[in-house]
Amino acid sequence: MVNCLGKWTHTPDQPANCDMDIIANMIMEDGYKPKTDLENLIIMVLLLFESETEDSSSEFFPTYDFETMAINADGLKRFVYASGGWKEFDYYA
């Protein structure tokens, strides 16, 4: 959930309202415990996923469903697994 100042916080008891909530829920479902912090891990995944899917020839394209503007959660999850899992994105840049 994003507050009026733009700060995101994970609220697992609330429905997923944004891309960061969706990705946080994926991480929790997989049982991964971030070594950095949840927000950092999500940002790293999003940045690298968006970079990977800039080219429409990527097997994980499209980044977003253009009708709903929701993130391609299936493509993102396949990207994470193909990259070696959540641990591969769990570092500070």
PDB file of N, CA and C in Angstrom:
ATOM      1  N   MET A   1       0.846  -1.163   0.000  1.00  0.00           N
ATOM      2  CA  MET A   1       0.000   0.000   0.000  1.00  0.00           C
ATOM      3  C   MET A   1       0.901   1.239   0.000  1.00  0.00           C
ATOM      4  N   VAL A   2       0.514   2.235  -0.783  1.00  0.00           N
ATOM      5  CA  VAL A   2       1.261   3.484  -0.878  1.00  0.00           C
ATOM      6  C   VAL A   2       0.472   4.571  -0.162  1.00  0.00           C
ATOM      7  N   ASN A   3       1.156   5.283   0.741  1.00  0.00           N
ATOM      8  CA  ASN A   3       0.454   6.340   1.477  1.00  0.00           C
ATOM      9  C   ASN A   3       0.451   7.643   0.669  1.00  0.00           C
ATOM     10  N   CYS A   4      -0.121   8.690   1.213  1.00  0.00           N
ATOM     11  CA  CYS A   4      -0.256   9.957   0.494  1.00  0.00           C
ATOM     12  C   CYS A   4       1.082  10.628   0.213  1.00  0.00           C
ATOM     13  N   LEU A   5       2.149  10.201   0.894  1.00  0.00           N
ATOM     14  CA  LEU A   5       3.480  10.749   0.661  1.00  0.00           C
ATOM     15  C   LEU A   5       4.287   9.905  -0.326  1.00  0.00           C
ATOM     16  N   GLY A   6       3.699   8.831  -0.815  1.00  0.00           N
ATOM     17  CA  GLY A   6       4.375   7.967  -1.774  1.00  0.00           C
ATOM     18  C   GLY A   6       5.218   6.876  -1.149  1.00  0.00           C
ATOM     19  N   LYS A   7       5.124   6.678   0.134  1.00  0.00           N
ATOM     20  CA  LYS A   7       5.887   5.631   0.827  1.00  0.00           C
ATOM     21  C   LYS A   7       5.108   4.322   0.793  1.00  0.00           C
ATOM     22  N   TRP A   8       5.756   3.267   0.323  1.00  0.00           N
ATOM     23  CA  TRP A   8       5.120   1.959   0.234  1.00  0.00           C
ATOM     24  C   TRP A   8       5.378   1.169   1.512  1.00  0.00           C
ATOM     25  N   THR A   9       4.358   0.482   1.983  1.00  0.00           N
ATOM     26  CA  THR A   9       4.496  -0.472   3.078  1.00  0.00           C
ATOM     27  C   THR A   9       3.690  -1.718   2.729  1.00  0.00           C
ATOM     28  N   HIS A  10       4.243  -2.862   3.088  1.00  0.00           N
ATOM     29  CA  HIS A  10       3.564  -4.122   2.793  1.00  0.00           C
ATOM     30  C   HIS A  10       2.507  -4.386   3.854  1.00  0.00           C
ATOM     31  N   THR A  11       1.294  -4.599   3.404  1.00  0.00           N
ATOM     32  CA  THR A  11       0.183  -4.925   4.295  1.00  0.00           C
ATOM     33  C   THR A  11      -0.442  -6.219   3.794  1.00  0.00           C
ATOM     34  N   PRO A  12       0.056  -7.362   4.280  1.00  0.00           N
ATOM     35  CA  PRO A  12      -0.384  -8.654   3.755  1.00  0.00           C
ATOM     36  C   PRO A  12      -1.861  -8.951   3.967  1.00  0.00           C
ATOM     37  N   ASP A  13      -2.489  -8.279   4.921  1.00  0.00           N
ATOM     38  CA  ASP A  13      -3.901  -8.540   5.179  1.00  0.00           C
ATOM     39  C   ASP A  13      -4.823  -7.735   4.261  1.00  0.00           C
ATOM     40  N   GLN A  14      -4.240  -6.873   3.431  1.00  0.00           N
ATOM     41  CA  GLN A  14      -5.010  -6.060   2.482  1.00  0.00           C
ATOM     42  C   GLN A  14      -4.889  -6.661   1.081  1.00  0.00           C
ATOM     43  N   PRO A  15      -5.880  -6.419   0.216  1.00  0.00           N
ATOM     44  CA  PRO A  15      -5.746  -6.875  -1.165  1.00  0.00           C
ATOM     45  C   PRO A  15      -4.611  -6.122  -1.869  1.00  0.00           C
ATOM     46  N   ALA A  16      -3.979  -6.773  -2.831  1.00  0.00           N
ATOM     47  CA  ALA A  16      -2.875  -6.157  -3.575  1.00  0.00           C
ATOM     48  C   ALA A  16      -3.403  -4.983  -4.393  1.00  0.00           C
ATOM     49  N   ASN A  17      -2.882  -3.791  -4.101  1.00  0.00           N
ATOM     50  CA  ASN A  17      -3.350  -2.586  -4.775  1.00  0.00           C
ATOM     51  C   ASN A  17      -2.377  -2.057  -5.809  1.00  0.00           C
ATOM     52  N   CYS A  18      -1.138  -2.509  -5.783  1.00  0.00           N
ATOM     53  CA  CYS A  18      -0.144  -1.996  -6.723  1.00  0.00           C
ATOM     54  C   CYS A  18       0.832  -3.123  -7.077  1.00  0.00           C
ATOM     55  N   ASP A  19       1.724  -2.838  -8.029  1.00  0.00           N
ATOM     56  CA  ASP A  19       2.695  -3.840  -8.463  1.00  0.00           C
ATOM     57  C   ASP A  19       3.569  -4.318  -7.315  1.00  0.00           C
ATOM     58  N   MET A  20       3.947  -3.404  -6.451  1.00  0.00           N
ATOM     59  CA  MET A  20       4.812  -3.795  -5.334  1.00  0.00           C
ATOM     60  C   MET A  20       4.100  -4.755  -4.397  1.00  0.00           C
ATOM     61  N   ASP A  21       2.797  -4.552  -4.185  1.00  0.00           N
ATOM     62  CA  ASP A  21       2.015  -5.488  -3.364  1.00  0.00           C
ATOM     63  C   ASP A  21       1.967  -6.867  -4.017  1.00  0.00           C
ATOM     64  N   ILE A  22       1.753  -6.892  -5.319  1.00  0.00           N
ATOM     65  CA  ILE A  22       1.677  -8.158  -6.055  1.00  0.00           C
ATOM     66  C   ILE A  22       2.989  -8.923  -5.930  1.00  0.00           C
ATOM     67  N   ILE A  23       4.109  -8.228  -6.109  1.00  0.00           N
ATOM     68  CA  ILE A  23       5.417  -8.877  -6.031  1.00  0.00           C
ATOM     69  C   ILE A  23       5.713  -9.300  -4.592  1.00  0.00           C
ATOM     70  N   ALA A  24       5.357  -8.473  -3.619  1.00  0.00           N
ATOM     71  CA  ALA A  24       5.558  -8.845  -2.209  1.00  0.00           C
ATOM     72  C   ALA A  24       4.793 -10.120  -1.893  1.00  0.00           C
ATOM     73  N   ASN A  25       3.580 -10.228  -2.387  1.00  0.00           N
ATOM     74  CA  ASN A  25       2.792 -11.440  -2.160  1.00  0.00           C
ATOM     75  C   ASN A  25       3.448 -12.657  -2.798  1.00  0.00           C
ATOM     76  N   MET A  26       4.042 -12.501  -3.985  1.00  0.00           N
ATOM     77  CA  MET A  26       4.753 -13.608  -4.636  1.00  0.00           C
ATOM     78  C   MET A  26       5.923 -14.069  -3.768  1.00  0.00           C
ATOM     79  N   ILE A  27       6.670 -13.101  -3.244  1.00  0.00           N
ATOM     80  CA  ILE A  27       7.828 -13.421  -2.412  1.00  0.00           C
ATOM     81  C   ILE A  27       7.376 -14.170  -1.161  1.00  0.00           C
ATOM     82  N   MET A  28       6.313 -13.701  -0.533  1.00  0.00           N
ATOM     83  CA  MET A  28       5.797 -14.348   0.677  1.00  0.00           C
ATOM     84  C   MET A  28       5.283 -15.757   0.372  1.00  0.00           C
ATOM     85  N   GLU A  29       4.583 -15.916  -0.770  1.00  0.00           N
ATOM     86  CA  GLU A  29       4.070 -17.236  -1.159  1.00  0.00           C
ATOM     87  C   GLU A  29       5.208 -18.234  -1.350  1.00  0.00           C
ATOM     88  N   ASP A  30       6.347 -17.743  -1.876  1.00  0.00           N
ATOM     89  CA  ASP A  30       7.493 -18.622  -2.085  1.00  0.00           C
ATOM     90  C   ASP A  30       8.274 -18.878  -0.806  1.00  0.00           C
ATOM     91  N   GLY A  31       7.940 -18.146   0.251  1.00  0.00           N
ATOM     92  CA  GLY A  31       8.610 -18.344   1.524  1.00  0.00           C
ATOM     93  C   GLY A  31      10.015 -17.758   1.588  1.00  0.00           C
ATOM     94  N   TYR A  32      10.340 -16.853   0.684  1.00  0.00           N
ATOM     95  CA  TYR A  32      11.673 -16.254   0.682  1.00  0.00           C
ATOM     96  C   TYR A  32      11.747 -15.129   1.710  1.00  0.00           C
ATOM     97  N   LYS A  33      12.813 -15.121   2.503  1.00  0.00           N
ATOM     98  CA  LYS A  33      13.062 -14.078   3.501  1.00  0.00           C
ATOM     99  C   LYS A  33      14.195 -13.196   2.983  1.00  0.00           C
ATOM    100  N   PRO A  34      13.922 -11.951   2.615  1.00  0.00           N
ATOM    101  CA  PRO A  34      14.967 -11.075   2.063  1.00  0.00           C
ATOM    102  C   PRO A  34      16.113 -10.835   3.040  1.00  0.00           C
ATOM    103  N   LYS A  35      17.336 -10.815   2.494  1.00  0.00           N
ATOM    104  CA  LYS A  35      18.509 -10.511   3.298  1.00  0.00           C
ATOM    105  C   LYS A  35      18.663  -8.998   3.441  1.00  0.00           C
ATOM    106  N   THR A  36      18.229  -8.237   2.455  1.00  0.00           N
ATOM    107  CA  THR A  36      18.274  -6.777   2.523  1.00  0.00           C
ATOM    108  C   THR A  36      16.980  -6.329   3.188  1.00  0.00           C
ATOM    109  N   ASP A  37      16.022  -5.904   2.426  1.00  0.00           N
ATOM    110  CA  ASP A  37      14.672  -5.646   2.925  1.00  0.00           C
ATOM    111  C   ASP A  37      13.699  -5.854   1.769  1.00  0.00           C
ATOM    112  N   LEU A  38      12.451  -6.014   2.095  1.00  0.00           N
ATOM    113  CA  LEU A  38      11.436  -6.365   1.102  1.00  0.00           C
ATOM    114  C   LEU A  38      11.322  -5.303   0.006  1.00  0.00           C
ATOM    115  N   GLU A  39      11.305  -4.037   0.398  1.00  0.00           N
ATOM    116  CA  GLU A  39      11.166  -2.966  -0.591  1.00  0.00           C
ATOM    117  C   GLU A  39      12.344  -2.957  -1.558  1.00  0.00           C
ATOM    118  N   ASN A  40      13.563  -3.109  -1.062  1.00  0.00           N
ATOM    119  CA  ASN A  40      14.739  -3.139  -1.923  1.00  0.00           C
ATOM    120  C   ASN A  40      14.666  -4.307  -2.907  1.00  0.00           C
ATOM    121  N   LEU A  41      14.316  -5.478  -2.416  1.00  0.00           N
ATOM    122  CA  LEU A  41      14.216  -6.662  -3.272  1.00  0.00           C
ATOM    123  C   LEU A  41      13.207  -6.438  -4.397  1.00  0.00           C
ATOM    124  N   ILE A  42      12.061  -5.883  -4.062  1.00  0.00           N
ATOM    125  CA  ILE A  42      11.024  -5.642  -5.065  1.00  0.00           C
ATOM    126  C   ILE A  42      11.495  -4.641  -6.105  1.00  0.00           C
ATOM    127  N   ILE A  43      12.148  -3.577  -5.665  1.00  0.00           N
ATOM    128  CA  ILE A  43      12.639  -2.565  -6.607  1.00  0.00           C
ATOM    129  C   ILE A  43      13.671  -3.164  -7.544  1.00  0.00           C
ATOM    130  N   MET A  44      14.587  -3.973  -7.022  1.00  0.00           N
ATOM    131  CA  MET A  44      15.607  -4.615  -7.875  1.00  0.00           C
ATOM    132  C   MET A  44      14.949  -5.523  -8.909  1.00  0.00           C
ATOM    133  N   VAL A  45      13.967  -6.309  -8.486  1.00  0.00           N
ATOM    134  CA  VAL A  45      13.272  -7.204  -9.417  1.00  0.00           C
ATOM    135  C   VAL A  45      12.561  -6.388 -10.491  1.00  0.00           C
ATOM    136  N   LEU A  46      11.840  -5.357 -10.078  1.00  0.00           N
ATOM    137  CA  LEU A  46      11.108  -4.525 -11.041  1.00  0.00           C
ATOM    138  C   LEU A  46      12.039  -3.868 -12.051  1.00  0.00           C
ATOM    139  N   LEU A  47      13.138  -3.293 -11.572  1.00  0.00           N
ATOM    140  CA  LEU A  47      14.072  -2.621 -12.480  1.00  0.00           C
ATOM    141  C   LEU A  47      14.658  -3.586 -13.502  1.00  0.00           C
ATOM    142  N   LEU A  48      15.091  -4.737 -13.035  1.00  0.00           N
ATOM    143  CA  LEU A  48      15.701  -5.691 -13.956  1.00  0.00           C
ATOM    144  C   LEU A  48      14.667  -6.338 -14.874  1.00  0.00           C
ATOM    145  N   PHE A  49      13.462  -6.578 -14.379  1.00  0.00           N
ATOM    146  CA  PHE A  49      12.396  -7.138 -15.214  1.00  0.00           C
ATOM    147  C   PHE A  49      12.003  -6.143 -16.306  1.00  0.00           C
ATOM    148  N   GLU A  50      11.833  -4.883 -15.944  1.00  0.00           N
ATOM    149  CA  GLU A  50      11.474  -3.874 -16.941  1.00  0.00           C
ATOM    150  C   GLU A  50      12.590  -3.703 -17.964  1.00  0.00           C
ATOM    151  N   SER A  51      13.837  -3.778 -17.518  1.00  0.00           N
ATOM    152  CA  SER A  51      14.966  -3.688 -18.441  1.00  0.00           C
ATOM    153  C   SER A  51      14.975  -4.873 -19.406  1.00  0.00           C
ATOM    154  N   GLU A  52      14.712  -6.063 -18.893  1.00  0.00           N
ATOM    155  CA  GLU A  52      14.684  -7.276 -19.718  1.00  0.00           C
ATOM    156  C   GLU A  52      13.564  -7.232 -20.749  1.00  0.00           C
ATOM    157  N   THR A  53      12.435  -6.681 -20.369  1.00  0.00           N
ATOM    158  CA  THR A  53      11.272  -6.722 -21.257  1.00  0.00           C
ATOM    159  C   THR A  53      11.121  -5.475 -22.120  1.00  0.00           C
ATOM    160  N   GLU A  54      12.135  -4.588 -22.131  1.00  0.00           N
ATOM    161  CA  GLU A  54      12.092  -3.437 -23.032  1.00  0.00           C
ATOM    162  C   GLU A  54      12.033  -3.907 -24.480  1.00  0.00           C
ATOM    163  N   ASP A  55      12.719  -4.984 -24.753  1.00  0.00           N
ATOM    164  CA  ASP A  55      12.758  -5.550 -26.096  1.00  0.00           C
ATOM    165  C   ASP A  55      11.602  -6.538 -26.235  1.00  0.00           C
ATOM    166  N   SER A  56      10.743  -6.311 -27.192  1.00  0.00           N
ATOM    167  CA  SER A  56       9.555  -7.159 -27.336  1.00  0.00           C
ATOM    168  C   SER A  56       9.898  -8.588 -27.747  1.00  0.00           C
ATOM    169  N   SER A  57      11.170  -8.866 -28.022  1.00  0.00           N
ATOM    170  CA  SER A  57      11.538 -10.241 -28.364  1.00  0.00           C
ATOM    171  C   SER A  57      11.809 -11.076 -27.114  1.00  0.00           C
ATOM    172  N   SER A  58      11.776 -10.450 -25.944  1.00  0.00           N
ATOM    173  CA  SER A  58      12.002 -11.175 -24.698  1.00  0.00           C
ATOM    174  C   SER A  58      10.886 -12.194 -24.483  1.00  0.00           C
ATOM    175  N   GLU A  59      11.241 -13.362 -23.970  1.00  0.00           N
ATOM    176  CA  GLU A  59      10.222 -14.391 -23.715  1.00  0.00           C
ATOM    177  C   GLU A  59       9.301 -14.008 -22.562  1.00  0.00           C
ATOM    178  N   PHE A  60       9.676 -12.987 -21.797  1.00  0.00           N
ATOM    179  CA  PHE A  60       8.873 -12.565 -20.650  1.00  0.00           C
ATOM    180  C   PHE A  60       7.984 -11.361 -20.981  1.00  0.00           C
ATOM    181  N   PHE A  61       8.052 -10.862 -22.218  1.00  0.00           N
ATOM    182  CA  PHE A  61       7.270  -9.705 -22.663  1.00  0.00           C
ATOM    183  C   PHE A  61       5.792 -10.063 -22.689  1.00  0.00           C
ATOM    184  N   PRO A  62       4.863  -9.197 -22.405  1.00  0.00           N
ATOM    185  CA  PRO A  62       5.035  -7.778 -22.082  1.00  0.00           C
ATOM    186  C   PRO A  62       5.230  -7.568 -20.586  1.00  0.00           C
ATOM    187  N   THR A  63       5.783  -6.417 -20.230  1.00  0.00           N
ATOM    188  CA  THR A  63       5.970  -6.078 -18.824  1.00  0.00           C
ATOM    189  C   THR A  63       4.617  -5.869 -18.159  1.00  0.00           C
ATOM    190  N   TYR A  64       3.728  -5.199 -18.875  1.00  0.00           N
ATOM    191  CA  TYR A  64       2.405  -4.873 -18.334  1.00  0.00           C
ATOM    192  C   TYR A  64       1.316  -5.331 -19.291  1.00  0.00           C
ATOM    193  N   ASP A  65       0.155  -5.653 -18.747  1.00  0.00           N
ATOM    194  CA  ASP A  65      -1.035  -5.910 -19.546  1.00  0.00           C
ATOM    195  C   ASP A  65      -1.543  -4.533 -19.963  1.00  0.00           C
ATOM    196  N   PHE A  66      -1.519  -4.262 -21.246  1.00  0.00           N
ATOM    197  CA  PHE A  66      -1.818  -2.915 -21.717  1.00  0.00           C
ATOM    198  C   PHE A  66      -3.285  -2.533 -21.570  1.00  0.00           C
ATOM    199  N   GLU A  67      -4.162  -3.494 -21.359  1.00  0.00           N
ATOM    200  CA  GLU A  67      -5.576  -3.177 -21.144  1.00  0.00           C
ATOM    201  C   GLU A  67      -5.836  -2.748 -19.710  1.00  0.00           C
ATOM    202  N   THR A  68      -5.221  -3.434 -18.761  1.00  0.00           N
ATOM    203  CA  THR A  68      -5.474  -3.132 -17.342  1.00  0.00           C
ATOM    204  C   THR A  68      -4.323  -2.368 -16.689  1.00  0.00           C
ATOM    205  N   MET A  69      -3.178  -2.300 -17.348  1.00  0.00           N
ATOM    206  CA  MET A  69      -1.942  -1.710 -16.832  1.00  0.00           C
ATOM    207  C   MET A  69      -1.440  -2.420 -15.574  1.00  0.00           C
ATOM    208  N   ALA A  70      -1.842  -3.665 -15.404  1.00  0.00           N
ATOM    209  CA  ALA A  70      -1.336  -4.486 -14.303  1.00  0.00           C
ATOM    210  C   ALA A  70      -0.049  -5.165 -14.764  1.00  0.00           C
ATOM    211  N   ILE A  71       0.844  -5.413 -13.836  1.00  0.00           N
ATOM    212  CA  ILE A  71       2.099  -6.060 -14.176  1.00  0.00           C
ATOM    213  C   ILE A  71       1.842  -7.492 -14.655  1.00  0.00           C
ATOM    214  N   ASN A  72       2.656  -7.959 -15.569  1.00  0.00           N
ATOM    215  CA  ASN A  72       2.576  -9.330 -16.061  1.00  0.00           C
ATOM    216  C   ASN A  72       3.187 -10.236 -14.988  1.00  0.00           C
ATOM    217  N   ALA A  73       2.389 -10.603 -14.008  1.00  0.00           N
ATOM    218  CA  ALA A  73       2.875 -11.355 -12.847  1.00  0.00           C
ATOM    219  C   ALA A  73       3.450 -12.712 -13.254  1.00  0.00           C
ATOM    220  N   ASP A  74       2.818 -13.372 -14.209  1.00  0.00           N
ATOM    221  CA  ASP A  74       3.315 -14.675 -14.665  1.00  0.00           C
ATOM    222  C   ASP A  74       4.686 -14.517 -15.318  1.00  0.00           C
ATOM    223  N   GLY A  75       4.831 -13.529 -16.178  1.00  0.00           N
ATOM    224  CA  GLY A  75       6.118 -13.278 -16.833  1.00  0.00           C
ATOM    225  C   GLY A  75       7.195 -12.900 -15.835  1.00  0.00           C
ATOM    226  N   LEU A  76       6.831 -12.090 -14.847  1.00  0.00           N
ATOM    227  CA  LEU A  76       7.798 -11.684 -13.832  1.00  0.00           C
ATOM    228  C   LEU A  76       8.256 -12.886 -13.010  1.00  0.00           C
ATOM    229  N   LYS A  77       7.334 -13.734 -12.641  1.00  0.00           N
ATOM    230  CA  LYS A  77       7.700 -14.910 -11.843  1.00  0.00           C
ATOM    231  C   LYS A  77       8.604 -15.844 -12.657  1.00  0.00           C
ATOM    232  N   ARG A  78       8.291 -16.036 -13.934  1.00  0.00           N
ATOM    233  CA  ARG A  78       9.149 -16.865 -14.786  1.00  0.00           C
ATOM    234  C   ARG A  78      10.537 -16.237 -14.934  1.00  0.00           C
ATOM    235  N   PHE A  79      10.591 -14.901 -15.035  1.00  0.00           N
ATOM    236  CA  PHE A  79      11.867 -14.183 -15.123  1.00  0.00           C
ATOM    237  C   PHE A  79      12.696 -14.410 -13.858  1.00  0.00           C
ATOM    238  N   VAL A  80      12.064 -14.295 -12.703  1.00  0.00           N
ATOM    239  CA  VAL A  80      12.774 -14.497 -11.431  1.00  0.00           C
ATOM    240  C   VAL A  80      13.321 -15.920 -11.356  1.00  0.00           C
ATOM    241  N   TYR A  81      12.502 -16.909 -11.666  1.00  0.00           N
ATOM    242  CA  TYR A  81      12.947 -18.306 -11.589  1.00  0.00           C
ATOM    243  C   TYR A  81      14.047 -18.592 -12.611  1.00  0.00           C
ATOM    244  N   ALA A  82      13.924 -18.049 -13.827  1.00  0.00           N
ATOM    245  CA  ALA A  82      14.938 -18.264 -14.863  1.00  0.00           C
ATOM    246  C   ALA A  82      16.264 -17.598 -14.487  1.00  0.00           C
ATOM    247  N   SER A  83      16.186 -16.569 -13.652  1.00  0.00           N
ATOM    248  CA  SER A  83      17.395 -15.848 -13.231  1.00  0.00           C
ATOM    249  C   SER A  83      18.066 -16.489 -12.018  1.00  0.00           C
ATOM    250  N   GLY A  84      17.453 -17.484 -11.432  1.00  0.00           N
ATOM    251  CA  GLY A  84      18.046 -18.170 -10.287  1.00  0.00           C
ATOM    252  C   GLY A  84      17.303 -17.973  -8.988  1.00  0.00           C
ATOM    253  N   GLY A  85      16.168 -17.297  -9.028  1.00  0.00           N
ATOM    254  CA  GLY A  85      15.355 -17.116  -7.825  1.00  0.00           C
ATOM    255  C   GLY A  85      15.512 -15.737  -7.215  1.00  0.00           C
ATOM    256  N   TRP A  86      14.746 -15.503  -6.170  1.00  0.00           N
ATOM    257  CA  TRP A  86      14.714 -14.194  -5.506  1.00  0.00           C
ATOM    258  C   TRP A  86      16.078 -13.789  -4.982  1.00  0.00           C
ATOM    259  N   LYS A  87      16.900 -14.748  -4.556  1.00  0.00           N
ATOM    260  CA  LYS A  87      18.204 -14.434  -3.964  1.00  0.00           C
ATOM    261  C   LYS A  87      19.112 -13.689  -4.937  1.00  0.00           C
ATOM    262  N   GLU A  88      18.915 -13.882  -6.228  1.00  0.00           N
ATOM    263  CA  GLU A  88      19.747 -13.214  -7.240  1.00  0.00           C
ATOM    264  C   GLU A  88      19.489 -11.716  -7.319  1.00  0.00           C
ATOM    265  N   PHE A  89      18.411 -11.250  -6.734  1.00  0.00           N
ATOM    266  CA  PHE A  89      18.050  -9.832  -6.787  1.00  0.00           C
ATOM    267  C   PHE A  89      18.191  -9.182  -5.412  1.00  0.00           C
ATOM    268  N   ASP A  90      18.578  -9.949  -4.431  1.00  0.00           N
ATOM    269  CA  ASP A  90      18.582  -9.504  -3.041  1.00  0.00           C
ATOM    270  C   ASP A  90      19.930  -8.889  -2.660  1.00  0.00           C
ATOM    271  N   TYR A  91      20.196  -7.704  -3.201  1.00  0.00           N
ATOM    272  CA  TYR A  91      21.415  -6.970  -2.874  1.00  0.00           C
ATOM    273  C   TYR A  91      21.126  -5.478  -3.015  1.00  0.00           C
ATOM    274  N   TYR A  92      21.961  -4.674  -2.359  1.00  0.00           N
ATOM    275  CA  TYR A  92      21.820  -3.223  -2.491  1.00  0.00           C
ATOM    276  C   TYR A  92      22.655  -2.757  -3.666  1.00  0.00           C
ATOM    277  N   ALA A  93      22.079  -1.899  -4.499  1.00  0.00           N
ATOM    278  CA  ALA A  93      22.824  -1.380  -5.662  1.00  0.00           C
ATOM    279  C   ALA A  93      23.439  -0.045  -5.322  1.00  0.00           C
TER     280      ALA A  93
END
